Amino acid sequence: MHGFVVAGVSSGSGKTLVSLSLMAWFMRQGREVQPFKVGPDFIDPGHHGLVTGRTSHNLDGWMLSRQANRDIFLRYGQGADVCIVEGVMGLFDGFSATGESGSTAEMAKWLGLPVLLVAEAGSMARSAAAMVKGYAEFDPELTLAGVLFNRVGSPTHAEILRDAVHSATGLACLGFLPHDPELSLGSRHLGLVTAEETEWENSRLERMVHWVDSGLCNGFLQAMSPCGIRTGGERRDCTAGSPSFSTGARTDREAVKPGAVRIAVARDEAFCFYYGENLRLLQESGASLCYFSPLRDSGLPQGVHGLYLGGGYPELYAASLSRNQSLLREVASLAESGKAVYAECGGFMYLLQSLCDAKGQEPPMAGVFSLQAAMGGRFRALGYREVRLLQQTPLGEAGTVLRGHEFHYSYLRSGGEEAGSAYQVRDRRGVQRDPQGFVQNNVLGSYIHLHFASNPDSARFFVSCCGSW
């Protein structure tokens, strides 16, 4: 394959803006760009998709196996001129202080890709060389192609950084990007403002392209091309020295045609957190996905056999969601009828009795679960989760194990303890967490975002459950 990993020296170093700008820069050159994101984040991939026009897919060293990650990379990277993988946190940050598991560095080695290191240069001069030297020598098995300095103060500052790094390390300086406050990305609780709520005007994209184009060094493409990024009119040979990917039965099999099982999927500004691979696995299992907006549609798509409510920001739209009474009644009726429903995080909150927002307003929701949620001022849960089903649910039989991630500010204000739990939940250290996985009729709701590729049988079971109604 052909591409590279954009990694930061730490969170906040600017790797998301750099990644998006590089994607736009390659697009302006007429190249097809396939984006990926290391880690469980939903928001960055949404912005990747806006810039490239292609769905960005998550790669994760804890939720998914090495082979599953490699298969995802191969499946979606085929046909692209360049694959750009945005890292997570700092380059070597993972699950522990002593190992690489879950880190951007581990993923880069799994995929056999070079790494572009993004370092914030503000308030640094020769000290930057010491930092870069440490990153360059920390893991000899990692291919570190070069460093790109972000928030550079002036041409003189860039020259100091270049001379310092050149004298102390053998690593190439591949770019010096000035600080441009107009390119900053808006943020709020849980992360950046989502792509669904962002207008990417051409003028902003052009500014991003110019920002990168004027700051990259002449040798950038050559340094980043060991796996075949096109440097001219033809694509370079990417066979020699490239990793050998096992296609298994994934890329050489015919896609399963959508069957008679129709699953409604909520998708708008309030519900936009879905792993792309989850949706593909449902389709591969025979489902036809019918998208609708809980904010704007007065009813569900016709003839659906099940419902998938993903996460998002329902707390920002609680009043509007509550006013759409016709849809709330139809969702409640579908749930009562025995049809299969799977709801996670924001989708789970949509099925509760009410949702108390940050202003203290408490509009009613669908009332499928006799529970109430309220917004808090900080994270109530953040981290990886392993789920073992304690009973049969729409995602599998008792004993089924899946992995996912949990992050939210809201909490169950009452009733959670009495409602029972279908999940035994442990975090990445194996520590048991609070009960999760609430079941009502054939409805499963939880705060945890599960990745179906951690156990593809779960997608097949859900489709079968919908079809058996």
Protein backbone atom coordinates (compact mmCIF):
# COMPACT_ATOMS: atom_id res chain seq x y z
CA MET A 1 0.00 0.00 0.00
CA HIS A 2 1.00 3.62 -0.28
CA GLY A 3 0.75 6.25 2.39
CA PHE A 4 2.06 7.52 5.69
CA VAL A 5 1.09 8.17 9.29
CA VAL A 6 0.75 11.68 10.71
CA ALA A 7 1.80 11.49 14.36
CA GLY A 8 2.16 14.16 17.01
CA VAL A 9 4.73 14.52 19.74
CA SER A 10 1.70 14.94 22.02
CA SER A 11 -2.00 15.71 21.97
CA GLY A 12 -2.55 19.28 20.89
CA SER A 13 0.46 19.44 18.59
CA GLY A 14 -1.74 20.15 15.57
CA LYS A 15 -1.80 16.76 13.87
CA THR A 16 -5.52 16.96 13.01
CA LEU A 17 -5.18 20.29 11.21
CA VAL A 18 -1.98 19.10 9.53
CA SER A 19 -3.67 15.85 8.46
CA LEU A 20 -6.69 17.66 7.03
CA SER A 21 -4.50 20.20 5.25
CA LEU A 22 -2.32 17.48 3.71
CA MET A 23 -5.43 15.65 2.55
CA ALA A 24 -6.69 18.84 0.90
CA TRP A 25 -3.23 19.47 -0.60
CA PHE A 26 -3.10 16.04 -2.21
CA MET A 27 -6.67 16.42 -3.42
CA ARG A 28 -5.78 19.70 -5.14
CA GLN A 29 -3.09 17.76 -7.04
CA GLY A 30 -5.75 15.41 -8.41
CA ARG A 31 -4.88 12.48 -6.17
CA GLU A 32 -7.41 10.17 -4.54
CA VAL A 33 -6.86 10.30 -0.78
CA GLN A 34 -8.08 7.58 1.60
CA PRO A 35 -8.11 8.76 5.23
CA PHE A 36 -7.83 6.67 8.38
CA LYS A 37 -7.80 7.50 12.09
CA VAL A 38 -5.94 5.62 14.82
CA GLY A 39 -8.07 5.19 17.93
CA PRO A 40 -11.79 5.19 18.71
CA ASP A 41 -12.56 8.84 17.86
CA PHE A 42 -15.59 9.59 15.66
CA ILE A 43 -15.18 13.32 15.14
CA ASP A 44 -11.84 13.54 13.32
CA PRO A 45 -12.90 10.90 10.74
CA GLY A 46 -15.99 12.97 9.99
CA HIS A 47 -13.81 15.92 9.01
CA HIS A 48 -11.56 13.61 6.99
CA GLY A 49 -14.61 12.60 4.97
CA LEU A 50 -15.63 16.21 4.31
CA VAL A 51 -12.21 17.05 2.88
CA THR A 52 -11.61 13.87 0.85
CA GLY A 53 -15.10 12.73 -0.09
CA ARG A 54 -14.26 9.24 1.20
CA THR A 55 -15.33 7.63 4.47
CA SER A 56 -12.51 7.63 7.00
CA HIS A 57 -12.09 4.38 8.92
CA ASN A 58 -10.83 3.77 12.44
CA LEU A 59 -7.80 1.61 13.12
CA ASP A 60 -7.44 0.55 16.73
CA GLY A 61 -4.89 -1.70 18.41
CA TRP A 62 -7.09 -2.55 21.40
CA MET A 63 -10.59 -2.92 19.98
CA LEU A 64 -9.37 -4.84 16.92
CA SER A 65 -6.73 -7.46 16.19
CA ARG A 66 -3.65 -6.78 14.12
CA GLN A 67 -5.13 -8.70 11.19
CA ALA A 68 -8.47 -6.89 11.41
CA ASN A 69 -6.66 -3.55 11.24
CA ARG A 70 -4.57 -4.65 8.28
CA ASP A 71 -7.65 -5.94 6.48
CA ILE A 72 -9.48 -2.64 7.00
CA PHE A 73 -6.48 -0.70 5.72
CA LEU A 74 -6.18 -2.89 2.64
CA ARG A 75 -9.89 -2.95 1.86
CA TYR A 76 -10.37 0.81 1.84
CA GLY A 77 -6.89 1.81 0.69
CA GLN A 78 -7.15 0.00 -2.62
CA GLY A 79 -7.67 2.42 -5.48
CA ALA A 80 -6.37 5.44 -3.59
CA ASP A 81 -3.23 7.29 -4.62
CA VAL A 82 -2.27 7.97 -1.03
CA CYS A 83 -3.49 6.76 2.36
CA ILE A 84 -3.13 9.26 5.20
CA VAL A 85 -3.43 7.82 8.70
CA GLU A 86 -3.94 10.36 11.48
CA GLY A 87 -2.49 9.13 14.76
CA VAL A 88 -3.81 9.38 18.29
CA MET A 89 -2.28 11.32 21.21
CA GLY A 90 1.53 11.32 21.08
CA LEU A 91 3.40 8.93 18.79
CA PHE A 92 4.32 6.43 21.51
CA ASP A 93 1.33 6.93 23.82
CA GLY A 94 -0.67 3.75 24.32
CA PHE A 95 -2.20 1.67 27.07
CA SER A 96 0.72 1.65 29.45
CA ALA A 97 3.92 3.42 30.34
CA THR A 98 6.07 0.44 29.35
CA GLY A 99 4.59 -0.92 26.10
CA GLU A 100 3.53 0.23 22.65
CA SER A 101 0.11 -1.49 22.60
CA GLY A 102 -2.58 0.82 21.27
CA SER A 103 -0.13 3.49 20.14
CA THR A 104 0.28 5.21 16.81
CA ALA A 105 3.79 3.74 16.60
CA GLU A 106 2.42 0.21 16.89
CA MET A 107 -0.12 0.84 14.12
CA ALA A 108 2.53 2.33 11.84
CA LYS A 109 4.63 -0.81 12.24
CA TRP A 110 1.62 -3.10 11.75
CA LEU A 111 0.88 -1.35 8.45
CA GLY A 112 4.51 -0.89 7.40
CA LEU A 113 4.09 2.86 6.90
CA PRO A 114 6.54 5.73 7.45
CA VAL A 115 5.73 8.35 10.07
CA LEU A 116 5.61 12.11 9.67
CA LEU A 117 6.21 13.58 13.13
CA VAL A 118 4.34 16.83 13.86
CA ALA A 119 5.94 18.96 16.58
CA GLU A 120 4.74 22.27 17.96
CA ALA A 121 7.63 24.69 17.63
CA GLY A 122 6.23 27.64 19.57
CA SER A 123 8.61 28.80 22.33
CA MET A 124 11.29 26.31 21.25
CA ALA A 125 14.64 26.72 19.54
CA ARG A 126 17.62 24.35 19.98
CA SER A 127 15.61 22.37 22.55
CA ALA A 128 13.51 21.12 19.64
CA ALA A 129 16.52 19.12 18.44
CA ALA A 130 16.74 17.29 21.76
CA MET A 131 13.06 16.41 21.54
CA VAL A 132 13.28 15.24 17.94
CA LYS A 133 16.44 13.23 18.67
CA GLY A 134 14.60 11.38 21.41
CA TYR A 135 11.71 10.49 19.12
CA ALA A 136 14.07 9.44 16.32
CA GLU A 137 16.06 7.05 18.52
CA PHE A 138 13.34 5.76 20.84
CA ASP A 139 12.23 2.86 18.61
CA PRO A 140 14.74 1.71 15.98
CA GLU A 141 12.08 -0.50 14.33
CA LEU A 142 9.91 2.49 13.47
CA THR A 143 10.39 4.29 10.14
CA LEU A 144 10.43 7.97 11.02
CA ALA A 145 10.56 9.79 7.69
CA GLY A 146 10.92 13.31 9.01
CA VAL A 147 9.60 16.06 11.24
CA LEU A 148 7.17 18.85 10.40
CA PHE A 149 7.21 21.82 12.74
CA ASN A 150 3.90 23.53 13.44
CA ARG A 151 3.28 27.08 14.74
CA VAL A 152 6.65 28.38 13.55
CA GLY A 153 7.11 32.05 14.41
CA SER A 154 9.16 33.35 11.47
CA PRO A 155 11.62 32.34 8.72
CA THR A 156 14.42 32.97 11.19
CA HIS A 157 12.77 30.63 13.68
CA ALA A 158 12.49 28.00 10.94
CA GLU A 159 16.19 28.35 10.13
CA ILE A 160 17.14 27.87 13.78
CA LEU A 161 15.00 24.76 14.02
CA ARG A 162 16.47 23.34 10.79
CA ASP A 163 20.07 23.95 11.85
CA ALA A 164 19.47 22.53 15.33
CA VAL A 165 17.84 19.33 14.09
CA HIS A 166 20.37 18.87 11.28
CA SER A 167 23.34 19.14 13.66
CA ALA A 168 21.87 16.83 16.33
CA THR A 169 20.01 14.16 14.34
CA GLY A 170 19.87 12.53 10.95
CA LEU A 171 16.17 13.27 10.63
CA ALA A 172 14.94 15.45 7.80
CA CYS A 173 12.95 18.62 8.44
CA LEU A 174 10.06 18.32 5.98
CA GLY A 175 8.09 21.45 6.73
CA PHE A 176 7.71 24.64 8.77
CA LEU A 177 4.11 25.78 9.13
CA PRO A 178 3.38 29.22 10.59
CA HIS A 179 0.74 29.81 13.22
CA ASP A 180 -2.55 30.79 11.56
CA PRO A 181 -5.34 31.37 14.10
CA GLU A 182 -7.97 31.51 11.34
CA LEU A 183 -7.36 27.82 10.65
CA SER A 184 -8.08 26.71 14.21
CA LEU A 185 -10.79 24.07 14.57
CA GLY A 186 -13.72 24.76 16.89
CA SER A 187 -14.11 22.48 19.92
CA ARG A 188 -16.44 21.76 22.85
CA HIS A 189 -17.12 18.89 25.26
CA LEU A 190 -16.11 15.51 23.76
CA GLY A 191 -13.81 17.15 21.18
CA LEU A 192 -14.02 19.16 17.98
CA VAL A 193 -17.28 20.45 16.57
CA THR A 194 -18.52 17.65 14.31
CA ALA A 195 -18.29 17.67 10.54
CA GLU A 196 -22.10 17.64 10.32
CA GLU A 197 -22.12 21.07 11.98
CA THR A 198 -19.14 22.52 10.11
CA GLU A 199 -19.20 24.39 6.82
CA TRP A 200 -16.01 23.73 4.90
CA GLU A 201 -15.99 26.63 2.50
CA ASN A 202 -13.68 26.52 -0.51
CA SER A 203 -11.88 29.60 0.77
CA ARG A 204 -10.99 27.77 4.00
CA LEU A 205 -9.79 24.70 2.11
CA GLU A 206 -7.72 26.89 -0.18
CA ARG A 207 -6.17 28.58 2.84
CA MET A 208 -5.29 25.16 4.28
CA VAL A 209 -3.75 24.08 0.98
CA HIS A 210 -1.71 27.29 0.75
CA TRP A 211 -0.64 26.91 4.40
CA VAL A 212 0.82 23.49 3.68
CA ASP A 213 2.10 24.22 0.18
CA SER A 214 4.09 27.24 1.33
CA GLY A 215 5.47 25.44 4.36
CA LEU A 216 6.55 22.05 3.02
CA CYS A 217 10.17 21.48 2.09
CA ASN A 218 11.16 20.41 -1.41
CA GLY A 219 12.00 16.86 -0.41
CA PHE A 220 8.66 16.13 1.24
CA LEU A 221 7.19 13.80 -1.39
CA GLN A 222 10.41 11.89 -1.87
CA ALA A 223 10.84 11.40 1.88
CA MET A 224 7.25 10.22 2.29
CA SER A 225 7.19 7.89 -0.74
CA PRO A 226 8.81 4.58 0.29
CA CYS A 227 5.44 2.83 -0.10
CA GLY A 228 4.45 4.32 -3.42
CA ILE A 229 2.93 7.80 -3.19
CA ARG A 230 2.78 9.13 -6.71
CA THR A 231 5.48 11.71 -7.29
CA GLY A 232 4.71 12.40 -10.92
CA GLY A 233 2.33 11.28 -13.63
CA GLU A 234 2.68 7.60 -12.77
CA ARG A 235 2.41 5.76 -9.51
CA ARG A 236 5.65 4.40 -8.16
CA ASP A 237 6.06 0.66 -7.80
CA CYS A 238 4.90 -0.18 -4.29
CA THR A 239 5.56 -3.91 -4.45
CA ALA A 240 9.16 -4.15 -3.31
CA GLY A 241 9.53 -3.71 0.40
CA SER A 242 5.82 -3.21 1.03
CA PRO A 243 4.01 -5.23 3.67
CA SER A 244 2.22 -8.37 2.60
CA PHE A 245 -1.47 -8.07 3.44
CA SER A 246 -3.70 -11.10 3.80
CA THR A 247 -6.88 -10.54 1.85
CA GLY A 248 -8.51 -13.62 3.34
CA ALA A 249 -12.08 -13.86 2.11
CA ARG A 250 -12.68 -10.13 2.31
CA THR A 251 -11.46 -8.37 -0.79
CA ASP A 252 -11.85 -11.24 -3.27
CA ARG A 253 -15.43 -12.14 -2.40
CA GLU A 254 -18.49 -10.61 -3.98
CA ALA A 255 -20.28 -8.14 -1.78
CA VAL A 256 -23.50 -9.51 -0.36
CA LYS A 257 -26.39 -7.77 -2.06
CA PRO A 258 -28.76 -5.94 0.28
CA GLY A 259 -31.51 -8.33 1.25
CA ALA A 260 -35.04 -8.02 2.47
CA VAL A 261 -33.90 -7.01 5.97
CA ARG A 262 -34.29 -3.25 6.21
CA ILE A 263 -32.60 -1.51 9.16
CA ALA A 264 -33.29 2.15 9.87
CA VAL A 265 -30.16 4.10 10.87
CA ALA A 266 -30.44 7.51 12.56
CA ARG A 267 -28.09 10.01 10.96
CA ASP A 268 -27.99 13.79 11.30
CA GLU A 269 -26.32 16.45 13.45
CA ALA A 270 -27.56 14.81 16.64
CA PHE A 271 -26.62 11.23 15.69
CA CYS A 272 -23.39 10.96 13.73
CA PHE A 273 -21.09 8.62 15.67
CA TYR A 274 -20.82 5.40 13.68
CA TYR A 275 -17.84 3.24 12.82
CA GLY A 276 -17.93 2.86 9.04
CA GLU A 277 -16.94 -0.77 9.38
CA ASN A 278 -20.01 -1.42 11.56
CA LEU A 279 -22.26 -0.27 8.74
CA ARG A 280 -20.37 -2.32 6.16
CA LEU A 281 -20.60 -5.46 8.27
CA LEU A 282 -24.35 -5.01 8.60
CA GLN A 283 -24.64 -4.68 4.83
CA GLU A 284 -22.35 -7.66 4.26
CA SER A 285 -24.65 -9.63 6.56
CA GLY A 286 -27.57 -8.89 4.26
CA ALA A 287 -29.03 -5.66 5.63
CA SER A 288 -30.31 -2.77 3.58
CA LEU A 289 -29.59 0.42 5.57
CA CYS A 290 -32.23 3.15 5.45
CA TYR A 291 -31.03 6.47 6.85
CA PHE A 292 -33.34 8.98 8.52
CA SER A 293 -33.10 12.14 10.62
CA PRO A 294 -34.63 12.17 14.12
CA LEU A 295 -34.46 15.97 13.91
CA ARG A 296 -36.35 16.44 10.64
CA ASP A 297 -38.23 13.27 9.62
CA SER A 298 -41.73 12.84 11.00
CA GLY A 299 -41.56 9.06 10.73
CA LEU A 300 -39.28 6.07 10.22
CA PRO A 301 -38.53 4.75 6.73
CA GLN A 302 -41.25 2.47 5.44
CA GLY A 303 -41.09 -1.26 6.01
CA VAL A 304 -38.10 -1.41 8.37
CA HIS A 305 -37.43 -4.51 10.47
CA GLY A 306 -35.01 -3.00 12.97
CA LEU A 307 -33.40 0.18 14.21
CA TYR A 308 -29.80 1.29 14.86
CA LEU A 309 -29.37 4.48 16.91
CA GLY A 310 -25.74 5.59 17.06
CA GLY A 311 -24.14 8.18 19.28
CA GLY A 312 -23.67 11.89 18.83
CA TYR A 313 -24.86 15.07 20.54
CA PRO A 314 -28.58 14.65 21.35
CA GLU A 315 -28.04 16.86 24.41
CA LEU A 316 -27.48 19.84 22.08
CA TYR A 317 -30.73 19.17 20.24
CA ALA A 318 -32.88 17.75 23.04
CA ALA A 319 -35.67 20.30 22.64
CA SER A 320 -35.91 19.79 18.87
CA LEU A 321 -35.83 16.01 19.24
CA SER A 322 -38.58 16.19 21.84
CA ARG A 323 -40.79 18.37 19.64
CA ASN A 324 -40.76 15.67 16.94
CA GLN A 325 -43.47 13.76 18.78
CA SER A 326 -44.67 11.75 15.79
CA LEU A 327 -41.25 10.14 15.34
CA LEU A 328 -40.81 9.55 19.08
CA ARG A 329 -44.15 7.74 19.19
CA GLU A 330 -43.24 5.62 16.16
CA VAL A 331 -39.87 4.66 17.68
CA ALA A 332 -41.57 3.71 20.94
CA SER A 333 -44.18 1.70 19.03
CA LEU A 334 -41.51 -0.15 17.04
CA ALA A 335 -39.67 -0.99 20.24
CA GLU A 336 -42.86 -2.22 21.90
CA SER A 337 -43.71 -4.39 18.88
CA GLY A 338 -40.69 -6.62 19.49
CA LYS A 339 -38.58 -5.49 16.55
CA ALA A 340 -34.84 -5.38 17.24
CA VAL A 341 -33.31 -2.07 18.28
CA TYR A 342 -29.68 -1.38 19.12
CA ALA A 343 -28.84 2.03 20.63
CA GLU A 344 -25.51 3.30 21.94
CA CYS A 345 -24.62 6.41 23.93
CA GLY A 346 -26.57 9.28 22.32
CA GLY A 347 -28.99 6.82 20.76
CA PHE A 348 -29.50 5.23 24.17
CA MET A 349 -30.26 8.65 25.67
CA TYR A 350 -32.88 9.16 22.95
CA LEU A 351 -34.75 6.08 24.21
CA LEU A 352 -34.94 7.25 27.84
CA GLN A 353 -37.82 8.94 29.63
CA SER A 354 -36.13 12.33 29.52
CA LEU A 355 -32.82 14.11 28.99
CA CYS A 356 -31.87 17.02 31.23
CA ASP A 357 -29.61 19.31 29.20
CA ALA A 358 -26.89 21.69 30.40
CA LYS A 359 -29.44 24.49 30.88
CA GLY A 360 -31.56 22.41 33.23
CA GLN A 361 -34.32 21.86 30.70
CA GLU A 362 -35.74 18.33 30.72
CA PRO A 363 -37.61 17.54 27.52
CA PRO A 364 -39.17 14.06 27.26
CA MET A 365 -37.67 11.46 24.95
CA ALA A 366 -39.05 8.19 23.57
CA GLY A 367 -39.63 6.54 26.96
CA VAL A 368 -38.61 3.04 25.90
CA PHE A 369 -36.50 2.75 29.08
CA SER A 370 -37.81 4.02 32.42
CA LEU A 371 -34.56 5.90 32.99
CA GLN A 372 -33.54 9.55 33.03
CA ALA A 373 -30.26 11.11 31.93
CA ALA A 374 -28.72 14.42 32.86
CA MET A 375 -25.71 16.31 31.56
CA GLY A 376 -22.68 16.75 33.82
CA GLY A 377 -19.84 19.23 33.68
CA ARG A 378 -17.06 16.69 33.12
CA PHE A 379 -16.41 13.21 31.78
CA ARG A 380 -18.44 10.58 33.60
CA ALA A 381 -16.73 7.81 31.66
CA LEU A 382 -13.78 7.68 29.28
CA GLY A 383 -11.92 4.61 28.11
CA TYR A 384 -11.91 1.25 26.37
CA ARG A 385 -14.42 -1.40 27.36
CA GLU A 386 -14.71 -5.14 26.89
CA VAL A 387 -18.28 -6.43 27.04
CA ARG A 388 -19.42 -9.98 27.77
CA LEU A 389 -23.13 -10.59 27.22
CA LEU A 390 -24.83 -12.07 30.27
CA GLN A 391 -27.96 -13.00 28.33
CA GLN A 392 -29.17 -13.12 24.76
CA THR A 393 -29.50 -9.66 23.23
CA PRO A 394 -29.91 -8.38 19.65
CA LEU A 395 -26.09 -8.59 19.37
CA GLY A 396 -25.62 -12.23 20.35
CA GLU A 397 -26.08 -15.09 22.74
CA ALA A 398 -24.93 -15.08 26.35
CA GLY A 399 -21.14 -15.31 26.47
CA THR A 400 -20.55 -13.22 23.33
CA VAL A 401 -17.59 -10.86 23.77
CA LEU A 402 -17.14 -7.51 22.00
CA ARG A 403 -14.88 -4.53 22.48
CA GLY A 404 -15.59 -0.84 22.29
CA HIS A 405 -15.13 2.57 23.85
CA GLU A 406 -17.08 4.78 26.23
CA PHE A 407 -16.96 8.57 26.51
CA HIS A 408 -19.73 10.83 27.75
CA TYR A 409 -20.58 13.69 30.10
CA SER A 410 -24.14 12.58 30.82
CA TYR A 411 -25.17 10.09 33.49
CA LEU A 412 -28.24 8.11 34.51
CA ARG A 413 -29.90 10.20 37.16
CA SER A 414 -32.14 7.45 38.50
CA GLY A 415 -33.21 3.89 37.88
CA GLY A 416 -29.98 2.43 36.50
CA GLU A 417 -29.35 0.20 39.48
CA GLU A 418 -32.81 -1.34 39.38
CA ALA A 419 -32.93 -1.79 35.60
CA GLY A 420 -30.51 -4.73 35.54
CA SER A 421 -27.68 -5.23 33.08
CA ALA A 422 -27.03 -7.49 30.13
CA TYR A 423 -23.33 -6.60 30.02
CA GLN A 424 -20.41 -7.59 32.18
CA VAL A 425 -18.04 -4.71 31.51
CA ARG A 426 -14.29 -4.50 32.06
CA ASP A 427 -11.84 -1.78 31.09
CA ARG A 428 -8.55 -2.32 29.29
CA ARG A 429 -6.86 -3.26 32.58
CA GLY A 430 -9.48 -5.91 33.31
CA VAL A 431 -11.13 -3.89 36.09
CA GLN A 432 -14.88 -4.43 36.27
CA ARG A 433 -16.94 -1.32 35.51
CA ASP A 434 -20.47 -0.19 36.31
CA PRO A 435 -23.38 -2.25 34.91
CA GLN A 436 -24.30 -1.54 31.31
CA GLY A 437 -26.44 -2.97 28.55
CA PHE A 438 -30.11 -2.41 29.36
CA VAL A 439 -32.71 -4.62 27.67
CA GLN A 440 -36.42 -3.97 27.17
CA ASN A 441 -38.33 -6.38 24.92
CA ASN A 442 -35.93 -6.73 21.98
CA VAL A 443 -34.22 -3.37 22.58
CA LEU A 444 -30.59 -3.11 23.73
CA GLY A 445 -29.22 0.22 24.93
CA SER A 446 -25.87 1.21 26.43
CA TYR A 447 -23.42 4.08 26.75
CA ILE A 448 -20.69 1.95 25.13
CA HIS A 449 -19.84 2.30 21.43
CA LEU A 450 -19.08 -1.25 20.26
CA HIS A 451 -16.96 -2.02 17.22
CA PHE A 452 -18.56 -4.91 15.34
CA ALA A 453 -15.21 -5.87 13.78
CA SER A 454 -14.10 -6.98 17.25
CA ASN A 455 -16.65 -9.79 16.78
CA PRO A 456 -18.26 -9.77 13.30
CA ASP A 457 -20.76 -12.41 14.41
CA SER A 458 -22.53 -9.62 16.32
CA ALA A 459 -23.45 -7.85 13.08
CA ARG A 460 -24.76 -11.08 11.57
CA PHE A 461 -26.74 -11.83 14.72
CA PHE A 462 -28.35 -8.36 14.71
CA VAL A 463 -29.38 -8.66 11.06
CA SER A 464 -30.76 -12.12 11.72
CA CYS A 465 -32.61 -10.82 14.76
CA CYS A 466 -34.18 -8.06 12.68
CA GLY A 467 -35.09 -10.47 9.90
CA SER A 468 -36.71 -13.02 12.21
CA TRP A 469 -39.34 -10.61 13.46
